Each structure stands twice: as structure tokens, then as C-alpha cells.
Amino acid sequence: MTINQTKIVALVPLRGGSKSIPDKNIKPIAGKPLCAWTLEAATKCSNIEEVYVSTDSDKIAQVVDCLNLSVNIIERPATLATDTASTDSVLLHFAENVEFDSLVTIQATSPLLTNTHLDQAIRQFLDSGVDSMLSAARSKRFFWNEDGTAINYDFRFRPRRQDFRGTLIENGAFYITKRNILVKNECRLGGRIKIFEMPEDTILEIDEPEDWRAVESILVASNR
């Protein structure tokens, strides 16, 4: 058991299909397969007891095995590996096959995530007694609706950056969910929700080739 006698496990969903960046989850970035960055973070996290990968791809499973990390492979049914299958459906399939009290869902497209972030977030999650948590990063940009109305500031009193709190944006790095919330709501978020704020540069997720180049430059500079 981990802290507070709560079994906490992590799941990294790794689907084989990717149209914008072929073989995205295992493509090398800054010297490692993309998925290696988050899997290393999860396995180094002292508060995560077990780490799993859910995949429909033998190729991905082989790459994960070659990382020599303590990672378990869950075979994902083909029906949960389509372009229209939701991540939440993958989590529910996982819950049917693995026992846990709380689940940390980690997305490989956020390789800037570290084990320190995860350890801090899990401690906050447990100490606060909430039911679910999401990671976010703060943007200090000004957002507008298409109808010409400002979303997060008063344009008549434009604040200086140093005085502007900005807006928290879901960065997709990870989610933490109690089992009963996941099963009851069929959703990774529910009940009392808490936000774990990550550094501003972690707002980047890898969805398009231009994201790849931006994140890779940060990884190289971080010397992880």
C-alpha cells in the first residue's frame, strides 16, 4: 500500500493509431520514445504502487517492454481503440480488470510531466480529501468569445502581465480519480474536483508536428 493505506495505480493509454504524427506514442523525442518520458515519471513516483499501459498495438507493447521499466501491459480491445472511442471507456475497461482505490491517468502527449509533479499532486489529492483531480497550467493570455466579448479580463482596464492572474487551462498531463467516482459517473472527473497547477510551459501537449518541435526543445534544455 502507498500513503494512507490507499492503493494508487497509474495507467498510460497508448493507442496504436495516430494520423497527425504516425506512431506518435513511440516516436523518438529528445532521445527517447515519447511514451518513455511519462512512464519513467510514473515508475519513479513514490506514491504510485503499480504502472500499467493499455494498448491495442503489439509494436507499442514491445517498445514498452524494451524500456526495462516495471510496467504492466493491458491488452486493449479493438472496440476501444477506434478514433471515436473515449479515454473514459478505456479507464472503465481497466477498472474491470485491475484493483485500485485511486487511478492516476497519465497522457504520453505530456512528456514534460515529472515524478515530482506526480508525488506533489497525489499528496494534495489525499490530504484534501477530494474525489478527483486534474492538472492545469496558467495562461496569461487574454481570451475572447467569437461575439467580441472578453472572457478573462476587462479590456477597459488592461492589466500588466505581472498583475494578471491569468486563466487555468487543462493541460492533459494527468487526472486522479477515486474508483467509486470513475465507476459511478463513467468519467475521470466528478465529485469534489481539485486542480493541480503545473508550470506554465507544461501547457503544451503534443497533438501536431509543431507541438512536437516546441516540446522537444524544452526537453533538451531541461537536461532530464
Protein backbone atom coordinates (compact mmCIF):
# COMPACT_ATOMS: atom_id res chain seq x y z
CA MET A 1 0.00 0.00 0.00
CA THR A 2 1.01 3.61 -0.53
CA ILE A 3 0.47 6.60 1.74
CA ASN A 4 -2.67 6.49 3.88
CA GLN A 5 -3.03 2.79 3.04
CA THR A 6 -4.56 3.68 -0.30
CA LYS A 7 -3.71 1.64 -3.37
CA ILE A 8 -2.83 4.09 -6.12
CA VAL A 9 -2.04 2.83 -9.60
CA ALA A 10 -1.24 4.64 -12.83
CA LEU A 11 -2.47 4.00 -16.36
CA VAL A 12 -0.90 5.37 -19.53
CA PRO A 13 -3.24 4.79 -22.51
CA LEU A 14 -1.20 4.19 -25.68
CA ARG A 15 -3.32 3.68 -28.78
CA GLY A 16 -1.61 2.50 -31.95
CA GLY A 17 -3.37 4.77 -34.42
CA SER A 18 -2.23 8.36 -34.89
CA LYS A 19 -2.98 10.32 -38.02
CA SER A 20 -1.26 13.67 -37.38
CA ILE A 21 2.02 12.08 -36.23
CA PRO A 22 2.40 8.40 -37.29
CA ASP A 23 3.47 6.09 -34.43
CA LYS A 24 3.40 9.16 -32.18
CA ASN A 25 3.46 7.33 -28.85
CA ILE A 26 6.72 5.53 -29.64
CA LYS A 27 8.39 8.06 -31.94
CA PRO A 28 11.75 9.24 -30.51
CA ILE A 29 11.76 12.69 -28.94
CA ALA A 30 14.86 14.14 -27.26
CA GLY A 31 16.50 10.72 -27.43
CA LYS A 32 13.66 8.53 -26.08
CA PRO A 33 10.34 7.15 -27.31
CA LEU A 34 7.62 9.64 -26.45
CA CYS A 35 5.92 7.26 -24.01
CA ALA A 36 9.20 6.70 -22.13
CA TRP A 37 9.09 10.17 -20.56
CA THR A 38 5.78 9.71 -18.78
CA LEU A 39 6.38 6.04 -17.98
CA GLU A 40 9.66 6.96 -16.28
CA ALA A 41 7.90 9.68 -14.31
CA ALA A 42 5.20 7.24 -13.19
CA THR A 43 7.59 4.45 -12.19
CA LYS A 44 9.77 6.91 -10.23
CA CYS A 45 6.78 8.30 -8.33
CA SER A 46 6.97 7.03 -4.74
CA ASN A 47 3.20 7.24 -4.27
CA ILE A 48 2.25 5.07 -7.26
CA GLU A 49 2.22 1.37 -6.49
CA GLU A 50 1.79 -0.09 -9.98
CA VAL A 51 2.07 1.32 -13.51
CA TYR A 52 0.09 -0.01 -16.46
CA VAL A 53 -0.12 0.63 -20.19
CA SER A 54 -3.32 -0.02 -22.11
CA THR A 55 -2.62 -0.62 -25.79
CA ASP A 56 -4.03 -2.32 -28.87
CA SER A 57 -0.60 -2.39 -30.55
CA ASP A 58 1.96 -5.20 -30.35
CA LYS A 59 4.56 -2.75 -31.63
CA ILE A 60 3.91 -0.36 -28.74
CA ALA A 61 3.91 -3.22 -26.24
CA GLN A 62 7.34 -4.33 -27.49
CA VAL A 63 8.76 -0.81 -27.18
CA VAL A 64 7.41 -0.54 -23.63
CA ASP A 65 8.96 -3.90 -22.71
CA CYS A 66 12.33 -2.74 -24.06
CA LEU A 67 12.31 0.27 -21.73
CA ASN A 68 13.07 -2.13 -18.84
CA LEU A 69 10.69 -0.35 -16.52
CA SER A 70 8.27 -2.01 -14.10
CA VAL A 71 5.25 -1.57 -16.35
CA ASN A 72 2.35 -3.98 -16.85
CA ILE A 73 0.63 -4.28 -20.23
CA ILE A 74 -3.16 -4.43 -20.52
CA GLU A 75 -4.41 -5.56 -23.93
CA ARG A 76 -7.00 -3.09 -25.16
CA PRO A 77 -9.95 -4.48 -27.15
CA ALA A 78 -10.18 -3.26 -30.74
CA THR A 79 -13.54 -1.64 -29.97
CA LEU A 80 -11.76 0.69 -27.53
CA ALA A 81 -9.01 1.61 -29.98
CA THR A 82 -11.03 3.38 -32.64
CA ASP A 83 -10.90 7.11 -33.41
CA THR A 84 -14.27 7.53 -31.69
CA ALA A 85 -13.55 5.51 -28.53
CA SER A 86 -13.27 7.72 -25.45
CA THR A 87 -10.46 7.66 -22.92
CA ASP A 88 -13.05 7.18 -20.19
CA SER A 89 -14.18 3.92 -21.81
CA VAL A 90 -10.56 2.72 -21.66
CA LEU A 91 -10.43 3.63 -17.96
CA LEU A 92 -13.61 1.69 -17.26
CA HIS A 93 -12.20 -1.35 -19.05
CA PHE A 94 -9.09 -1.02 -16.89
CA ALA A 95 -11.20 -0.81 -13.72
CA GLU A 96 -12.88 -4.09 -14.66
CA ASN A 97 -9.51 -5.83 -14.72
CA VAL A 98 -7.35 -4.17 -12.04
CA GLU A 99 -7.99 -3.46 -8.36
CA PHE A 100 -7.19 0.02 -7.05
CA ASP A 101 -8.53 2.72 -4.75
CA SER A 102 -7.44 5.67 -6.89
CA LEU A 103 -6.31 5.82 -10.50
CA VAL A 104 -3.77 8.23 -11.98
CA THR A 105 -4.39 8.53 -15.71
CA ILE A 106 -1.31 9.89 -17.48
CA GLN A 107 -1.15 11.01 -21.11
CA ALA A 108 2.03 10.31 -23.06
CA THR A 109 1.48 13.51 -25.03
CA SER A 110 2.65 15.48 -21.96
CA PRO A 111 6.31 14.42 -21.63
CA LEU A 112 7.17 17.49 -19.51
CA LEU A 113 5.44 15.75 -16.60
CA THR A 114 7.88 14.59 -13.87
CA ASN A 115 7.68 12.25 -10.90
CA THR A 116 7.95 15.31 -8.64
CA HIS A 117 4.75 16.73 -10.14
CA LEU A 118 3.01 13.39 -9.58
CA ASP A 119 4.21 12.98 -5.99
CA GLN A 120 3.11 16.50 -5.08
CA ALA A 121 -0.26 16.08 -6.77
CA ILE A 122 -1.04 12.76 -5.08
CA ARG A 123 -0.18 14.19 -1.67
CA GLN A 124 -2.51 17.13 -2.31
CA PHE A 125 -5.21 14.77 -3.58
CA LEU A 126 -5.09 12.62 -0.46
CA ASP A 127 -4.62 15.45 2.04
CA SER A 128 -7.54 17.46 0.66
CA GLY A 129 -9.93 14.51 0.58
CA VAL A 130 -11.28 15.36 -2.87
CA ASP A 131 -12.73 12.82 -5.29
CA SER A 132 -10.84 13.73 -8.45
CA MET A 133 -8.08 15.99 -9.67
CA LEU A 134 -6.86 17.39 -12.96
CA SER A 135 -3.61 19.05 -13.95
CA ALA A 136 -3.62 22.54 -15.40
CA ALA A 137 -1.23 25.32 -16.36
CA ARG A 138 -1.82 29.04 -16.09
CA SER A 139 -2.02 31.14 -19.24
CA LYS A 140 -1.59 34.89 -19.03
CA ARG A 141 -3.08 35.50 -22.45
CA PHE A 142 -6.34 37.38 -22.98
CA PHE A 143 -9.23 35.23 -24.22
CA TRP A 144 -12.25 36.36 -26.22
CA ASN A 145 -15.56 34.91 -27.39
CA GLU A 146 -16.39 34.98 -31.08
CA ASP A 147 -19.10 37.56 -30.38
CA GLY A 148 -16.48 40.09 -29.32
CA THR A 149 -16.88 39.74 -25.55
CA ALA A 150 -13.81 39.29 -23.35
CA ILE A 151 -13.63 36.08 -21.33
CA ASN A 152 -10.96 36.56 -18.70
CA TYR A 153 -10.31 40.30 -18.34
CA ASP A 154 -11.82 43.75 -18.63
CA PHE A 155 -10.33 45.33 -21.76
CA ARG A 156 -11.10 48.80 -20.37
CA PHE A 157 -8.58 48.15 -17.61
CA ARG A 158 -5.96 46.01 -19.34
CA PRO A 159 -3.74 44.61 -16.56
CA ARG A 160 0.03 44.36 -16.67
CA ARG A 161 1.29 40.78 -17.01
CA GLN A 162 2.84 40.85 -13.52
CA ASP A 163 -0.52 41.89 -12.04
CA PHE A 164 -2.66 39.49 -14.09
CA ARG A 165 -3.67 36.16 -12.54
CA GLY A 166 -4.48 34.68 -15.94
CA THR A 167 -6.59 31.59 -16.61
CA LEU A 168 -6.01 27.97 -15.65
CA ILE A 169 -6.11 25.70 -18.70
CA GLU A 170 -6.44 21.92 -18.53
CA ASN A 171 -3.10 20.67 -19.87
CA GLY A 172 -4.00 16.99 -20.10
CA ALA A 173 -0.90 15.73 -18.29
CA PHE A 174 -2.75 13.64 -15.70
CA TYR A 175 -6.01 13.02 -13.85
CA ILE A 176 -6.54 11.33 -10.48
CA THR A 177 -9.83 9.60 -9.78
CA LYS A 178 -11.26 7.57 -6.94
CA ARG A 179 -12.57 4.21 -8.14
CA ASN A 180 -16.14 4.81 -6.98
CA ILE A 181 -16.31 8.13 -8.84
CA LEU A 182 -14.97 6.60 -12.07
CA VAL A 183 -17.38 3.66 -11.96
CA LYS A 184 -20.41 5.66 -10.85
CA ASN A 185 -20.01 8.59 -13.25
CA GLU A 186 -18.24 6.71 -16.06
CA CYS A 187 -15.96 9.73 -16.17
CA ARG A 188 -12.48 10.53 -14.84
CA LEU A 189 -13.74 13.70 -13.17
CA GLY A 190 -16.55 14.00 -10.66
CA GLY A 191 -17.50 14.70 -7.07
CA ARG A 192 -15.24 17.24 -5.40
CA ILE A 193 -12.65 18.30 -8.00
CA LYS A 194 -9.27 19.86 -7.28
CA ILE A 195 -6.80 21.43 -9.70
CA PHE A 196 -3.05 20.80 -9.51
CA GLU A 197 -1.23 23.72 -11.09
CA MET A 198 1.86 22.88 -13.13
CA PRO A 199 4.48 25.27 -14.60
CA GLU A 200 3.40 27.49 -17.48
CA ASP A 201 5.47 25.65 -20.12
CA THR A 202 3.57 22.41 -19.42
CA ILE A 203 0.54 23.91 -21.12
CA LEU A 204 1.94 22.30 -24.30
CA GLU A 205 0.51 18.94 -25.40
CA ILE A 206 1.78 17.07 -28.42
CA ASP A 207 -1.05 16.89 -30.93
CA GLU A 208 0.52 18.35 -34.07
CA PRO A 209 4.06 18.40 -35.57
CA GLU A 210 4.63 21.99 -34.44
CA ASP A 211 3.85 20.93 -30.85
CA TRP A 212 6.47 18.21 -31.18
CA ARG A 213 9.23 20.65 -32.07
CA ALA A 214 8.33 23.04 -29.25
CA VAL A 215 8.19 20.34 -26.57
CA GLU A 216 11.38 18.67 -27.79
CA SER A 217 13.32 21.92 -27.41
CA ILE A 218 12.12 22.22 -23.80
CA LEU A 219 13.07 18.60 -23.03
CA VAL A 220 16.54 19.06 -24.46
CA ALA A 221 17.06 22.26 -22.50
CA SER A 222 15.84 20.62 -19.27
CA ASN A 223 18.64 18.01 -19.46
CA ARG A 224 16.41 15.35 -17.85
